[in-house]
Structure formats: C-alpha cells, structure tokens
Amino acid sequence: MRNTIIKSTEEVVSCSDNGQHPLVYINLKAGSGQCQYCGQKFSKTSKATNEALAA
C-alpha cells in the first residue's frame, strides 16, 4: 500500500496501478477516496490551492 496521496482538481479520477488491476473510477465528491484494489489514496483540491503550491 502506498503512503502518498494523489491530489487532483477533478471530481472523478481513475486508477489501474499501471495495469496491475482493472481500471476503476473513484468519485472525490466527498473530498477524498481510495482505490478498492490497491489502496491508493486520492484527494480533491481546488485549482487555487494547486496554483499556490506551484508558485
């Protein structure tokens, strides 16, 4: 299981663990989600937050 959280501005993300498991879509409407196969964690962030981190 991975320790990093992937941040996305999208409300729905996909995960296949580089082809290691079936492609699944994870809804981040609640703010976060986790892949049921590999346990990868995802978090929804606002666009403004991502731009501030990049600066």
N, C-alpha and C. Protein backbone atom coordinates (compact mmCIF):
# COMPACT_ATOMS: atom_id res chain seq x y z
N MET A 1 0.85 -1.20 0.00
CA MET A 1 0.00 0.00 0.00
C MET A 1 0.88 1.24 0.00
N ARG A 2 0.48 2.22 -0.75
CA ARG A 2 1.27 3.45 -0.89
C ARG A 2 0.98 4.43 0.24
N ASN A 3 1.96 5.26 0.52
CA ASN A 3 1.81 6.27 1.57
C ASN A 3 1.46 7.64 1.03
N THR A 4 1.63 7.87 -0.28
CA THR A 4 1.37 9.18 -0.85
C THR A 4 -0.10 9.34 -1.21
N ILE A 5 -0.57 10.56 -1.15
CA ILE A 5 -1.93 10.90 -1.54
C ILE A 5 -1.84 11.70 -2.84
N ILE A 6 -2.52 11.24 -3.86
CA ILE A 6 -2.53 11.93 -5.14
C ILE A 6 -3.60 13.01 -5.09
N LYS A 7 -3.20 14.25 -5.37
CA LYS A 7 -4.14 15.37 -5.34
C LYS A 7 -4.62 15.68 -6.75
N SER A 8 -5.91 15.97 -6.87
CA SER A 8 -6.50 16.24 -8.18
C SER A 8 -7.55 17.32 -8.06
N THR A 9 -7.68 18.13 -9.11
CA THR A 9 -8.76 19.11 -9.15
C THR A 9 -10.02 18.50 -9.75
N GLU A 10 -9.90 17.29 -10.31
CA GLU A 10 -11.04 16.61 -10.92
C GLU A 10 -11.90 15.95 -9.84
N GLU A 11 -13.20 15.83 -10.13
CA GLU A 11 -14.12 15.21 -9.18
C GLU A 11 -14.11 13.68 -9.30
N VAL A 12 -13.70 13.17 -10.46
CA VAL A 12 -13.60 11.73 -10.67
C VAL A 12 -12.21 11.42 -11.20
N VAL A 13 -11.52 10.45 -10.58
CA VAL A 13 -10.19 10.04 -11.01
C VAL A 13 -10.22 8.55 -11.33
N SER A 14 -9.22 8.09 -12.09
CA SER A 14 -9.14 6.68 -12.41
C SER A 14 -7.87 6.08 -11.83
N CYS A 15 -7.90 4.77 -11.60
CA CYS A 15 -6.74 4.06 -11.07
C CYS A 15 -6.71 2.66 -11.68
N SER A 16 -5.52 2.24 -12.12
CA SER A 16 -5.33 0.87 -12.59
C SER A 16 -4.00 0.32 -12.07
N ASP A 17 -3.31 1.10 -11.26
CA ASP A 17 -2.00 0.73 -10.72
C ASP A 17 -1.07 0.28 -11.84
N ASN A 18 -1.01 1.11 -12.89
CA ASN A 18 -0.18 0.83 -14.07
C ASN A 18 -0.50 -0.52 -14.70
N GLY A 19 -1.79 -0.85 -14.76
CA GLY A 19 -2.24 -2.09 -15.39
C GLY A 19 -2.21 -3.30 -14.47
N GLN A 20 -1.94 -3.09 -13.21
CA GLN A 20 -1.86 -4.21 -12.28
C GLN A 20 -3.23 -4.70 -11.79
N HIS A 21 -4.26 -3.88 -11.96
CA HIS A 21 -5.63 -4.29 -11.60
C HIS A 21 -6.60 -3.65 -12.57
N PRO A 22 -7.86 -4.06 -12.59
CA PRO A 22 -8.84 -3.46 -13.51
C PRO A 22 -8.95 -1.95 -13.29
N LEU A 23 -9.24 -1.24 -14.37
CA LEU A 23 -9.43 0.21 -14.30
C LEU A 23 -10.68 0.52 -13.50
N VAL A 24 -10.55 1.36 -12.50
CA VAL A 24 -11.68 1.78 -11.67
C VAL A 24 -11.71 3.30 -11.63
N TYR A 25 -12.89 3.84 -11.45
CA TYR A 25 -13.07 5.28 -11.31
C TYR A 25 -13.47 5.58 -9.88
N ILE A 26 -12.87 6.60 -9.30
CA ILE A 26 -13.10 6.95 -7.90
C ILE A 26 -13.68 8.35 -7.85
N ASN A 27 -14.83 8.47 -7.20
CA ASN A 27 -15.53 9.74 -7.07
C ASN A 27 -14.97 10.47 -5.85
N LEU A 28 -14.52 11.70 -6.08
CA LEU A 28 -13.95 12.51 -5.00
C LEU A 28 -14.91 13.60 -4.54
N LYS A 29 -16.19 13.41 -4.80
CA LYS A 29 -17.19 14.41 -4.42
C LYS A 29 -17.14 14.70 -2.91
N ALA A 30 -16.84 13.70 -2.12
CA ALA A 30 -16.76 13.88 -0.66
C ALA A 30 -15.43 14.50 -0.23
N GLY A 31 -14.50 14.70 -1.19
CA GLY A 31 -13.23 15.32 -0.87
C GLY A 31 -12.05 14.38 -0.96
N SER A 32 -12.30 13.07 -0.78
CA SER A 32 -11.22 12.10 -0.89
C SER A 32 -11.79 10.73 -1.21
N GLY A 33 -10.91 9.83 -1.61
CA GLY A 33 -11.32 8.47 -1.93
C GLY A 33 -10.12 7.57 -1.96
N GLN A 34 -10.39 6.25 -2.06
CA GLN A 34 -9.33 5.28 -2.04
C GLN A 34 -9.66 4.15 -3.00
N CYS A 35 -8.66 3.66 -3.73
CA CYS A 35 -8.86 2.57 -4.67
C CYS A 35 -9.15 1.29 -3.90
N GLN A 36 -10.18 0.59 -4.33
CA GLN A 36 -10.58 -0.64 -3.65
C GLN A 36 -9.62 -1.80 -3.93
N TYR A 37 -8.81 -1.69 -4.97
CA TYR A 37 -7.88 -2.77 -5.32
C TYR A 37 -6.50 -2.59 -4.69
N CYS A 38 -5.89 -1.42 -4.90
CA CYS A 38 -4.51 -1.23 -4.45
C CYS A 38 -4.38 -0.34 -3.22
N GLY A 39 -5.45 0.34 -2.83
CA GLY A 39 -5.40 1.17 -1.63
C GLY A 39 -4.86 2.57 -1.86
N GLN A 40 -4.54 2.93 -3.12
CA GLN A 40 -4.04 4.28 -3.41
C GLN A 40 -5.06 5.31 -2.97
N LYS A 41 -4.60 6.37 -2.30
CA LYS A 41 -5.50 7.41 -1.80
C LYS A 41 -5.46 8.62 -2.72
N PHE A 42 -6.61 9.24 -2.89
CA PHE A 42 -6.78 10.42 -3.74
C PHE A 42 -7.48 11.50 -2.93
N SER A 43 -7.14 12.75 -3.21
CA SER A 43 -7.76 13.88 -2.53
C SER A 43 -8.09 14.97 -3.54
N LYS A 44 -9.26 15.57 -3.41
CA LYS A 44 -9.68 16.65 -4.30
C LYS A 44 -9.20 17.97 -3.72
N THR A 45 -8.57 18.78 -4.56
CA THR A 45 -8.12 20.10 -4.15
C THR A 45 -8.68 21.14 -5.11
N SER A 46 -8.74 22.35 -4.65
CA SER A 46 -9.22 23.42 -5.52
C SER A 46 -8.09 23.85 -6.45
N LYS A 47 -8.44 24.43 -7.57
CA LYS A 47 -7.44 24.90 -8.54
C LYS A 47 -6.55 25.97 -7.91
N ALA A 48 -7.14 26.84 -7.10
CA ALA A 48 -6.37 27.91 -6.46
C ALA A 48 -5.30 27.33 -5.54
N THR A 49 -5.62 26.26 -4.84
CA THR A 49 -4.65 25.63 -3.94
C THR A 49 -3.49 25.07 -4.72
N ASN A 50 -3.76 24.39 -5.84
CA ASN A 50 -2.70 23.83 -6.66
C ASN A 50 -1.79 24.90 -7.23
N GLU A 51 -2.36 26.03 -7.66
CA GLU A 51 -1.56 27.12 -8.20
C GLU A 51 -0.67 27.73 -7.13
N ALA A 52 -1.16 27.83 -5.91
CA ALA A 52 -0.39 28.40 -4.83
C ALA A 52 0.79 27.48 -4.48
N LEU A 53 0.58 26.17 -4.57
CA LEU A 53 1.65 25.22 -4.27
C LEU A 53 2.73 25.25 -5.34
N ALA A 54 2.34 25.51 -6.58
CA ALA A 54 3.29 25.52 -7.69
C ALA A 54 4.17 26.78 -7.68
N ALA A 55 3.70 27.85 -7.06
CA ALA A 55 4.43 29.13 -7.07
C ALA A 55 5.63 29.11 -6.14
